[in-house]
Amino acid sequence: MILPGDAPESIAAAARCLRSGGLLGLPTETVYGLAANADDDAAVAQIFKAKGRPADHPLIVHVADAGAVAHYASEVPEFARGLMQAFWPGPLTLILPRHPGVAVAAAGDNPTIGLRCPSHPVAQAVLKALLGKSGLSCVWGLAAPSANQFGRVSPTTAAHVQGEFGDGLLILDGGACSVGIESTIIDCSRGQPVLLRPGAITLEQVQAVCGVRVLSKDEQLSASAPKASGTLASHYAPRARVRLMSASDLQASLDRLGDGGSAAAMSGGEPRVATYSRAVMKSSNLRVLCWRMPDNATMTAQQVFAVLRELDALGVSQIWIEAPPAGPEWDGVRDRLQRAAADERL
């Protein structure tokens, strides 16, 4: 059931649902989340079951403001406090040491926890409605991974969420997500900031605030890297096979299809190909769909998951995508497309 997210009665219904241990489709500025009370292990277990997600793969916990961090984190380095001040509310997740016994299921029983303060007004309204008042206990945060089956394309509209989980899930409609890809993740648990997942907030922006060099996830530290949401090699994948290539290779591949297409050139299923590229592609094959990728990284991020979902719905068997250009502003989009193309099923 989809309710308008800007209606006070919808926020009240969402808060009642979450307090009673239920799940909620929650809009954020990044993607829609499947939310539950982060301190209710039984409710969080429903998230893992609904998504088909491994129970040891941690969830990001969303909080109303930095004041809730002390409930979950046992230690907050000074550079992490600076990042909160600079980028919260916003699309930045911080991995911090976790208080023992707190949000155990949400953290996948790991010693660290990922925390984020979303900027979406509907998410903020729900989080604030859950803070202790009128005799009700305080719900400090919501575990809210993307509201889709594990490993598949993230949802950026309420309709996407309903398509994943049906009418039985309460969903707040907050419109299309303004960022469109998941948050940047910075590990703050090992003494020096480490970029675990790129997003709309770039490494350069994070580094400018930290005042120290931000390491890449591949650089060695004395302590092992914590598990974090959305960092598996294969993720964000549609049913269709995704291939990343240069514009020239993409056009050459289209040329090899010819006018009628070649079943041998495509891997099973209905012999249809879609392209998603900044360069204009040419094909006389009526089974080829050519879609235009924006030249702007921000606009591409806003639409990329919706495009993958729509092409899946059209029944294409392969999606050929022009690789994003170099530059930090494209890192988040590049990361999602590389993971989509790494789907081990194909």
Protein backbone atom coordinates (compact mmCIF):
# COMPACT_ATOMS: atom_id res chain seq x y z
CA MET A 1 0.00 0.00 0.00
CA ILE A 2 1.43 3.35 -1.07
CA LEU A 3 0.65 6.43 1.04
CA PRO A 4 1.55 10.05 0.26
CA GLY A 5 4.72 10.82 2.18
CA ASP A 6 3.85 14.48 2.76
CA ALA A 7 0.65 13.72 4.71
CA PRO A 8 0.90 13.84 8.54
CA GLU A 9 -1.41 10.84 8.85
CA SER A 10 0.94 8.84 6.60
CA ILE A 11 3.91 9.66 8.85
CA ALA A 12 1.88 8.63 11.90
CA ALA A 13 0.90 5.33 10.25
CA ALA A 14 4.53 4.69 9.32
CA ALA A 15 5.68 5.34 12.89
CA ARG A 16 3.03 2.95 14.28
CA CYS A 17 4.10 0.28 11.82
CA LEU A 18 7.76 0.58 12.76
CA ARG A 19 7.10 0.70 16.51
CA SER A 20 5.08 -2.51 16.21
CA GLY A 21 7.95 -4.35 14.52
CA GLY A 22 6.79 -3.95 10.93
CA LEU A 23 8.60 -3.03 7.73
CA LEU A 24 8.26 0.19 5.76
CA GLY A 25 9.18 1.33 2.25
CA LEU A 26 11.00 4.58 3.05
CA PRO A 27 12.09 7.23 0.54
CA THR A 28 15.52 8.78 0.95
CA GLU A 29 17.49 11.09 -1.32
CA THR A 30 19.65 8.14 -2.47
CA VAL A 31 17.29 5.19 -3.04
CA TYR A 32 14.17 3.82 -1.34
CA GLY A 33 14.92 1.73 1.74
CA LEU A 34 13.22 -1.25 3.37
CA ALA A 35 13.13 0.05 6.93
CA ALA A 36 12.73 -1.48 10.39
CA ASN A 37 13.56 -0.45 13.95
CA ALA A 38 17.33 -0.97 14.06
CA ASP A 39 17.20 -2.03 17.74
CA ASP A 40 14.50 -4.67 17.16
CA ASP A 41 16.42 -7.76 16.04
CA ALA A 42 13.22 -9.64 15.16
CA ALA A 43 12.05 -6.79 12.91
CA VAL A 44 15.48 -6.54 11.29
CA ALA A 45 15.39 -10.29 10.64
CA GLN A 46 12.31 -9.66 8.50
CA ILE A 47 14.39 -7.35 6.28
CA PHE A 48 16.96 -10.08 5.64
CA LYS A 49 14.19 -12.60 4.91
CA ALA A 50 12.22 -10.30 2.60
CA LYS A 51 15.32 -9.34 0.61
CA GLY A 52 16.93 -12.78 0.60
CA ARG A 53 20.01 -11.11 2.05
CA PRO A 54 22.73 -12.99 3.99
CA ALA A 55 22.31 -12.29 7.71
CA ASP A 56 26.00 -11.43 8.13
CA HIS A 57 25.87 -8.69 5.47
CA PRO A 58 25.35 -5.51 7.55
CA LEU A 59 22.66 -2.89 7.04
CA ILE A 60 23.04 0.87 7.19
CA VAL A 61 21.22 2.49 10.10
CA HIS A 62 19.53 5.82 9.40
CA VAL A 63 19.33 8.39 12.20
CA ALA A 64 17.58 11.74 12.58
CA ASP A 65 20.75 13.65 13.44
CA ALA A 66 24.24 13.33 14.88
CA GLY A 67 22.76 13.21 18.38
CA ALA A 68 21.71 9.57 17.84
CA VAL A 69 25.23 8.44 16.98
CA ALA A 70 26.25 7.94 20.62
CA HIS A 71 23.50 5.33 21.02
CA TYR A 72 25.16 3.11 18.40
CA ALA A 73 28.85 4.06 18.22
CA SER A 74 31.35 3.43 20.98
CA GLU A 75 33.93 5.76 19.44
CA VAL A 76 33.70 8.68 17.00
CA PRO A 77 37.05 9.99 15.69
CA GLU A 78 37.41 13.73 15.28
CA PHE A 79 37.57 13.45 11.48
CA ALA A 80 34.26 11.54 11.54
CA ARG A 81 32.66 14.36 13.54
CA GLY A 82 33.88 16.79 10.90
CA LEU A 83 32.28 14.68 8.16
CA MET A 84 28.96 14.64 10.01
CA GLN A 85 29.05 18.40 10.37
CA ALA A 86 29.92 18.91 6.71
CA PHE A 87 27.69 16.34 4.98
CA TRP A 88 24.82 15.38 7.31
CA PRO A 89 21.99 15.31 6.51
CA GLY A 90 23.11 13.85 3.19
CA PRO A 91 24.31 10.83 1.20
CA LEU A 92 27.26 9.85 3.41
CA THR A 93 27.53 6.70 5.55
CA LEU A 94 30.17 6.41 8.27
CA ILE A 95 31.40 3.03 9.57
CA LEU A 96 32.11 3.31 13.32
CA PRO A 97 32.90 0.93 16.20
CA ARG A 98 29.62 -0.40 17.65
CA HIS A 99 28.53 -0.61 21.26
CA PRO A 100 28.29 -4.31 22.18
CA GLY A 101 24.69 -5.54 22.34
CA VAL A 102 23.27 -2.66 20.30
CA ALA A 103 21.68 -3.25 16.85
CA VAL A 104 23.28 -6.68 16.67
CA ALA A 105 21.16 -8.00 13.78
CA ALA A 106 21.35 -4.74 11.83
CA ALA A 107 25.14 -4.84 12.06
CA GLY A 108 25.23 -8.47 10.92
CA ASP A 109 26.86 -9.22 14.31
CA ASN A 110 29.91 -7.28 13.17
CA PRO A 111 31.80 -5.06 15.66
CA THR A 112 31.17 -1.98 13.53
CA ILE A 113 28.01 -0.23 12.34
CA GLY A 114 27.18 2.00 9.38
CA LEU A 115 25.32 5.21 10.24
CA ARG A 116 23.73 7.80 7.96
CA CYS A 117 21.51 10.84 8.40
CA PRO A 118 19.25 11.14 5.31
CA SER A 119 18.20 14.53 3.99
CA HIS A 120 14.90 13.48 2.40
CA PRO A 121 12.07 15.34 4.20
CA VAL A 122 9.89 12.21 4.42
CA ALA A 123 12.69 10.15 5.95
CA GLN A 124 13.41 12.97 8.38
CA ALA A 125 9.74 13.23 9.35
CA VAL A 126 9.55 9.50 10.09
CA LEU A 127 12.78 9.47 12.08
CA LYS A 128 11.72 12.45 14.18
CA ALA A 129 8.28 10.94 14.80
CA LEU A 130 10.01 7.89 16.28
CA LEU A 131 12.02 9.80 18.87
CA GLY A 132 10.68 9.36 22.41
CA LYS A 133 7.70 11.55 23.21
CA SER A 134 4.20 11.32 24.69
CA GLY A 135 5.23 8.32 26.79
CA LEU A 136 6.44 6.28 23.80
CA SER A 137 9.86 4.69 23.84
CA CYS A 138 12.55 6.19 21.65
CA VAL A 139 13.43 4.51 18.36
CA TRP A 140 16.94 5.77 17.75
CA GLY A 141 17.38 4.64 14.18
CA LEU A 142 16.09 2.62 11.24
CA ALA A 143 17.94 -0.15 9.49
CA ALA A 144 17.09 0.52 5.84
CA PRO A 145 18.91 -1.24 3.00
CA SER A 146 17.64 -0.69 -0.53
CA ALA A 147 14.08 -1.95 -0.94
CA ASN A 148 14.75 -4.65 -3.52
CA GLN A 149 15.72 -8.30 -3.68
CA PHE A 150 19.34 -8.77 -2.65
CA GLY A 151 21.84 -7.96 -5.40
CA ARG A 152 19.27 -6.57 -7.82
CA VAL A 153 18.66 -3.04 -9.12
CA SER A 154 17.92 -0.52 -6.38
CA PRO A 155 14.51 1.26 -6.37
CA THR A 156 14.22 5.00 -6.89
CA THR A 157 10.39 5.33 -6.85
CA ALA A 158 7.59 4.02 -4.65
CA ALA A 159 6.29 2.01 -7.62
CA HIS A 160 9.64 0.22 -7.88
CA VAL A 161 9.31 -0.87 -4.24
CA GLN A 162 5.74 -2.06 -4.72
CA GLY A 163 6.89 -4.06 -7.75
CA GLU A 164 9.46 -5.82 -5.54
CA PHE A 165 7.32 -6.59 -2.48
CA GLY A 166 3.65 -6.24 -3.53
CA ASP A 167 0.70 -4.51 -1.90
CA GLY A 168 1.30 -5.95 1.56
CA LEU A 169 4.14 -3.55 2.35
CA LEU A 170 3.38 -0.05 3.62
CA ILE A 171 5.29 2.40 1.40
CA LEU A 172 5.61 6.16 1.72
CA ASP A 173 5.73 7.94 -1.62
CA GLY A 174 8.39 10.65 -1.56
CA GLY A 175 8.74 11.02 -5.33
CA ALA A 176 11.73 10.02 -7.42
CA CYS A 177 15.03 10.02 -5.50
CA SER A 178 17.09 13.15 -6.13
CA VAL A 179 20.52 11.46 -5.88
CA GLY A 180 19.60 8.08 -7.34
CA ILE A 181 22.56 5.95 -6.19
CA GLU A 182 23.46 4.75 -2.71
CA SER A 183 25.51 6.78 -0.27
CA THR A 184 29.27 7.18 -0.18
CA ILE A 185 30.66 4.92 2.56
CA ILE A 186 33.68 5.98 4.62
CA ASP A 187 35.21 3.57 7.13
CA CYS A 188 36.07 5.54 10.28
CA SER A 189 36.82 2.53 12.48
CA ARG A 190 40.54 2.02 11.84
CA GLY A 191 42.12 5.36 12.73
CA GLN A 192 42.28 6.72 9.18
CA PRO A 193 39.38 7.35 6.77
CA VAL A 194 38.96 4.71 4.05
CA LEU A 195 36.61 4.97 1.07
CA LEU A 196 34.65 1.70 0.89
CA ARG A 197 32.00 2.76 -1.66
CA PRO A 198 31.93 5.87 -3.87
CA GLY A 199 28.79 7.94 -4.24
CA ALA A 200 27.57 11.47 -4.84
CA ILE A 201 29.99 12.83 -2.23
CA THR A 202 33.42 12.36 -3.78
CA LEU A 203 36.69 11.23 -2.23
CA GLU A 204 38.11 14.70 -2.85
CA GLN A 205 35.26 16.33 -0.92
CA VAL A 206 35.72 13.95 1.98
CA GLN A 207 39.47 14.47 2.02
CA ALA A 208 39.07 18.26 2.08
CA VAL A 209 37.01 18.00 5.25
CA CYS A 210 39.12 15.32 6.98
CA GLY A 211 42.38 17.17 6.50
CA VAL A 212 44.14 13.80 6.10
CA ARG A 213 44.48 11.50 3.12
CA VAL A 214 41.51 9.23 2.53
CA LEU A 215 42.68 5.73 1.63
CA SER A 216 41.12 3.55 -1.04
CA LYS A 217 39.57 0.25 0.05
CA ASP A 218 42.49 -1.63 -1.55
CA GLU A 219 45.17 0.09 0.52
CA GLN A 220 46.52 -1.90 3.44
CA LEU A 221 45.92 -1.02 7.08
CA SER A 222 46.97 -2.97 10.14
CA ALA A 223 43.34 -3.82 10.96
CA SER A 224 41.15 -5.72 8.52
CA ALA A 225 38.38 -3.92 6.66
CA PRO A 226 34.89 -4.09 8.16
CA LYS A 227 32.01 -5.55 6.21
CA ALA A 228 29.85 -2.85 4.63
CA SER A 229 26.62 -2.65 2.69
CA GLY A 230 26.70 -2.69 -1.12
CA THR A 231 30.37 -3.59 -1.51
CA LEU A 232 30.10 -7.07 -3.05
CA ALA A 233 31.72 -7.51 -6.47
CA SER A 234 28.38 -8.38 -8.08
CA HIS A 235 25.48 -6.11 -7.15
CA TYR A 236 22.81 -3.75 -8.57
CA ALA A 237 22.21 -6.18 -11.46
CA PRO A 238 19.14 -6.33 -13.72
CA ARG A 239 17.91 -9.61 -15.24
CA ALA A 240 19.49 -8.65 -18.56
CA ARG A 241 23.22 -9.11 -18.99
CA VAL A 242 25.13 -5.82 -18.63
CA ARG A 243 28.26 -5.16 -20.67
CA LEU A 244 30.44 -2.07 -20.27
CA MET A 245 32.52 -0.93 -23.25
CA SER A 246 33.93 2.12 -24.99
CA ALA A 247 31.78 4.04 -27.44
CA SER A 248 33.80 2.71 -30.39
CA ASP A 249 33.52 -0.90 -29.20
CA LEU A 250 29.81 -0.43 -28.59
CA GLN A 251 29.24 0.83 -32.13
CA ALA A 252 31.39 -1.99 -33.54
CA SER A 253 29.29 -4.51 -31.64
CA LEU A 254 26.12 -2.99 -33.09
CA ASP A 255 27.62 -3.14 -36.58
CA ARG A 256 28.29 -6.87 -36.13
CA LEU A 257 24.64 -7.45 -35.38
CA GLY A 258 23.71 -6.25 -38.85
CA ASP A 259 20.15 -5.63 -39.95
CA GLY A 260 18.52 -8.77 -38.61
CA GLY A 261 20.55 -9.50 -35.50
CA SER A 262 22.43 -12.65 -34.72
CA ALA A 263 21.30 -15.13 -32.09
CA ALA A 264 24.94 -16.14 -31.67
CA ALA A 265 25.85 -12.55 -30.78
CA MET A 266 23.42 -12.55 -27.87
CA SER A 267 23.22 -14.86 -24.87
CA GLY A 268 19.86 -16.61 -24.85
CA GLY A 269 16.38 -15.32 -24.21
CA GLU A 270 14.61 -12.90 -26.50
CA PRO A 271 17.21 -11.60 -29.03
CA ARG A 272 17.02 -7.93 -28.17
CA VAL A 273 19.77 -5.51 -27.19
CA ALA A 274 19.56 -2.07 -25.59
CA THR A 275 22.32 0.50 -25.54
CA TYR A 276 22.78 3.27 -22.97
CA SER A 277 25.45 5.73 -24.07
CA ARG A 278 26.51 9.36 -24.18
CA ALA A 279 27.66 8.94 -27.79
CA VAL A 280 24.94 8.64 -30.43
CA MET A 281 24.73 5.01 -31.56
CA LYS A 282 23.54 3.91 -34.99
CA SER A 283 21.81 0.62 -35.77
CA SER A 284 19.37 -0.45 -38.47
CA ASN A 285 18.40 -3.50 -36.43
CA LEU A 286 14.83 -3.07 -35.22
CA ARG A 287 15.57 -5.32 -32.25
CA VAL A 288 18.06 -2.79 -30.89
CA LEU A 289 16.91 -0.02 -28.53
CA CYS A 290 19.26 2.97 -28.24
CA TRP A 291 18.93 5.09 -25.10
CA ARG A 292 20.83 8.28 -24.40
CA MET A 293 22.92 8.66 -21.24
CA PRO A 294 23.24 12.25 -19.95
CA ASP A 295 26.64 13.90 -20.30
CA ASN A 296 26.31 15.01 -16.67
CA ALA A 297 27.25 12.54 -13.89
CA THR A 298 24.64 13.88 -11.46
CA MET A 299 21.82 13.42 -13.96
CA THR A 300 23.05 9.96 -14.90
CA ALA A 301 23.09 8.90 -11.25
CA GLN A 302 19.51 10.12 -10.85
CA GLN A 303 18.25 7.92 -13.68
CA VAL A 304 20.61 4.95 -14.04
CA PHE A 305 18.71 2.48 -11.84
CA ALA A 306 15.35 3.50 -13.32
CA VAL A 307 16.78 2.97 -16.83
CA LEU A 308 18.05 -0.51 -15.96
CA ARG A 309 14.65 -1.41 -14.51
CA GLU A 310 12.77 -0.09 -17.54
CA LEU A 311 14.99 -1.93 -20.00
CA ASP A 312 14.46 -5.12 -18.00
CA ALA A 313 10.70 -4.56 -18.24
CA LEU A 314 11.03 -4.24 -22.04
CA GLY A 315 12.48 -7.75 -22.17
CA VAL A 316 15.96 -7.07 -23.52
CA SER A 317 18.50 -9.86 -23.05
CA GLN A 318 21.56 -7.60 -22.99
CA ILE A 319 22.25 -3.98 -22.05
CA TRP A 320 25.37 -2.52 -23.64
CA ILE A 321 26.54 0.55 -21.75
CA GLU A 322 29.19 3.10 -22.66
CA ALA A 323 31.69 3.16 -19.80
CA PRO A 324 31.59 6.41 -17.79
CA PRO A 325 34.44 8.87 -18.42
CA ALA A 326 37.32 9.39 -16.03
CA GLY A 327 36.82 11.86 -13.20
CA PRO A 328 35.77 11.68 -9.56
CA GLU A 329 32.26 12.93 -10.26
CA TRP A 330 31.60 9.70 -12.21
CA ASP A 331 33.05 7.33 -9.58
CA GLY A 332 29.69 6.46 -8.02
CA VAL A 333 28.00 5.70 -11.34
CA ARG A 334 31.04 3.75 -12.54
CA ASP A 335 31.05 1.67 -9.38
CA ARG A 336 27.35 0.71 -9.73
CA LEU A 337 27.70 -0.18 -13.42
CA GLN A 338 30.83 -2.26 -12.85
CA ARG A 339 29.05 -4.23 -10.14
CA ALA A 340 25.97 -4.66 -12.36
CA ALA A 341 28.21 -6.01 -15.12
CA ALA A 342 29.91 -8.44 -12.71
CA ASP A 343 26.77 -10.50 -12.10
CA GLU A 344 28.15 -14.02 -11.65
CA ARG A 345 24.93 -15.65 -12.93
CA LEU A 346 25.84 -14.64 -16.47
